[in-house]
Amino acid sequence: MNTSSEPCPAQKLLKILSGKWKPQIFKMATHKPVRFNQLLRDLEGANKQTLATALREMVEEDILIKETVQEKPLHIEYTLSEKGKSLIGVFVTLEKLSEGDA
């Protein structure tokens, strides 16, 4: 057991994925690429600044990939990175535990 003052890897992961809207963003991005305005509409109570901060942090932590789509109109989509995809099972397990099914 690591007894140093450094956080354990699981603690670091939980910190990365916790925060306003991050679990919901993650869940939505598991199904298909998502756009900022779509998230803003679908996440009731979300505001632009908080949503932008959550997306930026998830991109910085390599959970999401931010891609400019060269279609008209030009837009940005967020998709799960390989690291993000590897976390889908973790989220499924957490959902089952929260529902008492695990």
C-alpha atoms as a PDB file:
ATOM      1  CA  MET A   1       0.000   0.000   0.000  1.00  0.00           C
ATOM      2  CA  ASN A   2       1.310   3.416  -0.971  1.00  0.00           C
ATOM      3  CA  THR A   3       1.448   5.540   2.159  1.00  0.00           C
ATOM      4  CA  SER A   4       3.121   8.574   0.590  1.00  0.00           C
ATOM      5  CA  SER A   5       1.347  11.908   0.464  1.00  0.00           C
ATOM      6  CA  GLU A   6       0.823  11.539  -3.299  1.00  0.00           C
ATOM      7  CA  PRO A   7      -2.745  10.678  -4.279  1.00  0.00           C
ATOM      8  CA  CYS A   8      -3.355   7.167  -5.512  1.00  0.00           C
ATOM      9  CA  PRO A   9      -4.174   6.729  -9.224  1.00  0.00           C
ATOM     10  CA  ALA A  10      -7.850   6.025  -8.478  1.00  0.00           C
ATOM     11  CA  GLN A  11      -8.094   9.219  -6.456  1.00  0.00           C
ATOM     12  CA  LYS A  12      -6.560  11.180  -9.336  1.00  0.00           C
ATOM     13  CA  LEU A  13      -9.027   9.634 -11.798  1.00  0.00           C
ATOM     14  CA  LEU A  14     -11.990  10.446  -9.578  1.00  0.00           C
ATOM     15  CA  LYS A  15     -10.815  14.040  -9.321  1.00  0.00           C
ATOM     16  CA  ILE A  16     -10.503  14.288 -13.119  1.00  0.00           C
ATOM     17  CA  LEU A  17     -14.018  12.926 -13.675  1.00  0.00           C
ATOM     18  CA  SER A  18     -15.750  14.687 -10.827  1.00  0.00           C
ATOM     19  CA  GLY A  19     -17.102  18.144 -11.104  1.00  0.00           C
ATOM     20  CA  LYS A  20     -20.071  19.915 -12.534  1.00  0.00           C
ATOM     21  CA  TRP A  21     -21.404  18.144 -15.640  1.00  0.00           C
ATOM     22  CA  LYS A  22     -18.410  15.865 -16.316  1.00  0.00           C
ATOM     23  CA  PRO A  23     -20.173  12.536 -15.695  1.00  0.00           C
ATOM     24  CA  GLN A  24     -23.118  13.640 -17.845  1.00  0.00           C
ATOM     25  CA  ILE A  25     -20.806  14.868 -20.626  1.00  0.00           C
ATOM     26  CA  PHE A  26     -18.931  11.575 -20.511  1.00  0.00           C
ATOM     27  CA  LYS A  27     -22.128   9.535 -20.739  1.00  0.00           C
ATOM     28  CA  MET A  28     -23.433  11.572 -23.674  1.00  0.00           C
ATOM     29  CA  ALA A  29     -20.104  11.295 -25.524  1.00  0.00           C
ATOM     30  CA  THR A  30     -20.106   7.491 -25.202  1.00  0.00           C
ATOM     31  CA  HIS A  31     -22.957   7.279 -27.696  1.00  0.00           C
ATOM     32  CA  LYS A  32     -21.865   9.775 -30.351  1.00  0.00           C
ATOM     33  CA  PRO A  33     -19.848  12.951 -30.862  1.00  0.00           C
ATOM     34  CA  VAL A  34     -21.369  15.901 -29.032  1.00  0.00           C
ATOM     35  CA  ARG A  35     -21.400  19.618 -29.769  1.00  0.00           C
ATOM     36  CA  PHE A  36     -21.183  22.428 -27.241  1.00  0.00           C
ATOM     37  CA  ASN A  37     -24.646  23.849 -27.985  1.00  0.00           C
ATOM     38  CA  GLN A  38     -26.186  20.379 -27.870  1.00  0.00           C
ATOM     39  CA  LEU A  39     -24.685  19.841 -24.411  1.00  0.00           C
ATOM     40  CA  LEU A  40     -25.854  23.284 -23.308  1.00  0.00           C
ATOM     41  CA  ARG A  41     -29.429  22.430 -24.370  1.00  0.00           C
ATOM     42  CA  ASP A  42     -29.441  18.910 -22.932  1.00  0.00           C
ATOM     43  CA  LEU A  43     -27.806  19.648 -19.588  1.00  0.00           C
ATOM     44  CA  GLU A  44     -30.556  21.484 -17.790  1.00  0.00           C
ATOM     45  CA  GLY A  45     -29.116  24.251 -15.645  1.00  0.00           C
ATOM     46  CA  ALA A  46     -25.699  24.285 -17.332  1.00  0.00           C
ATOM     47  CA  ASN A  47     -24.207  27.643 -18.222  1.00  0.00           C
ATOM     48  CA  LYS A  48     -21.667  28.406 -20.936  1.00  0.00           C
ATOM     49  CA  GLN A  49     -18.743  29.154 -18.630  1.00  0.00           C
ATOM     50  CA  THR A  50     -19.104  26.051 -16.449  1.00  0.00           C
ATOM     51  CA  LEU A  51     -19.630  23.811 -19.468  1.00  0.00           C
ATOM     52  CA  ALA A  52     -16.648  25.282 -21.308  1.00  0.00           C
ATOM     53  CA  THR A  53     -14.458  24.758 -18.241  1.00  0.00           C
ATOM     54  CA  ALA A  54     -15.543  21.121 -17.854  1.00  0.00           C
ATOM     55  CA  LEU A  55     -14.929  20.389 -21.551  1.00  0.00           C
ATOM     56  CA  ARG A  56     -11.519  22.082 -21.502  1.00  0.00           C
ATOM     57  CA  GLU A  57     -10.447  20.082 -18.431  1.00  0.00           C
ATOM     58  CA  MET A  58     -11.630  16.811 -19.989  1.00  0.00           C
ATOM     59  CA  VAL A  59      -9.669  17.592 -23.175  1.00  0.00           C
ATOM     60  CA  GLU A  60      -6.571  18.515 -21.147  1.00  0.00           C
ATOM     61  CA  GLU A  61      -6.827  15.184 -19.263  1.00  0.00           C
ATOM     62  CA  ASP A  62      -7.191  13.288 -22.579  1.00  0.00           C
ATOM     63  CA  ILE A  63     -10.683  12.038 -21.790  1.00  0.00           C
ATOM     64  CA  LEU A  64     -12.202  13.885 -24.751  1.00  0.00           C
ATOM     65  CA  ILE A  65     -10.878  14.913 -28.152  1.00  0.00           C
ATOM     66  CA  LYS A  66     -11.885  18.323 -29.472  1.00  0.00           C
ATOM     67  CA  GLU A  67     -12.183  18.311 -33.238  1.00  0.00           C
ATOM     68  CA  THR A  68     -13.105  21.060 -35.677  1.00  0.00           C
ATOM     69  CA  VAL A  69     -15.378  19.552 -38.304  1.00  0.00           C
ATOM     70  CA  GLN A  70     -14.822  21.121 -41.710  1.00  0.00           C
ATOM     71  CA  GLU A  71     -18.464  21.109 -42.761  1.00  0.00           C
ATOM     72  CA  LYS A  72     -20.802  23.993 -43.296  1.00  0.00           C
ATOM     73  CA  PRO A  73     -21.517  25.307 -40.851  1.00  0.00           C
ATOM     74  CA  LEU A  74     -18.068  24.806 -39.344  1.00  0.00           C
ATOM     75  CA  HIS A  75     -18.444  23.300 -35.867  1.00  0.00           C
ATOM     76  CA  ILE A  76     -16.575  21.624 -33.027  1.00  0.00           C
ATOM     77  CA  GLU A  77     -17.340  18.130 -31.822  1.00  0.00           C
ATOM     78  CA  TYR A  78     -16.158  16.342 -28.717  1.00  0.00           C
ATOM     79  CA  THR A  79     -15.557  12.588 -28.825  1.00  0.00           C
ATOM     80  CA  LEU A  80     -14.094  10.136 -26.359  1.00  0.00           C
ATOM     81  CA  SER A  81     -10.356   9.582 -26.679  1.00  0.00           C
ATOM     82  CA  GLU A  82      -8.876   6.101 -26.361  1.00  0.00           C
ATOM     83  CA  LYS A  83      -8.306   6.853 -22.683  1.00  0.00           C
ATOM     84  CA  GLY A  84     -11.933   7.964 -22.389  1.00  0.00           C
ATOM     85  CA  LYS A  85     -13.171   4.808 -24.123  1.00  0.00           C
ATOM     86  CA  SER A  86     -11.161   2.715 -21.686  1.00  0.00           C
ATOM     87  CA  LEU A  87     -13.210   4.267 -18.844  1.00  0.00           C
ATOM     88  CA  ILE A  88     -16.624   3.203 -20.159  1.00  0.00           C
ATOM     89  CA  GLY A  89     -16.547   0.001 -18.096  1.00  0.00           C
ATOM     90  CA  VAL A  90     -15.741   2.004 -14.968  1.00  0.00           C
ATOM     91  CA  PHE A  91     -18.797   4.188 -15.534  1.00  0.00           C
ATOM     92  CA  VAL A  92     -21.025   1.179 -16.219  1.00  0.00           C
ATOM     93  CA  THR A  93     -19.887  -0.371 -12.948  1.00  0.00           C
ATOM     94  CA  LEU A  94     -20.463   2.880 -11.049  1.00  0.00           C
ATOM     95  CA  GLU A  95     -23.969   3.157 -12.491  1.00  0.00           C
ATOM     96  CA  LYS A  96     -24.765  -0.419 -11.476  1.00  0.00           C
ATOM     97  CA  LEU A  97     -23.429   0.163  -7.976  1.00  0.00           C
ATOM     98  CA  SER A  98     -25.497   3.331  -7.618  1.00  0.00           C
ATOM     99  CA  GLU A  99     -28.623   1.412  -8.660  1.00  0.00           C
ATOM    100  CA  GLY A 100     -27.830  -1.496  -6.362  1.00  0.00           C
ATOM    101  CA  ASP A 101     -27.477  -3.968  -9.260  1.00  0.00           C
ATOM    102  CA  ALA A 102     -23.819  -4.899  -8.749  1.00  0.00           C
END
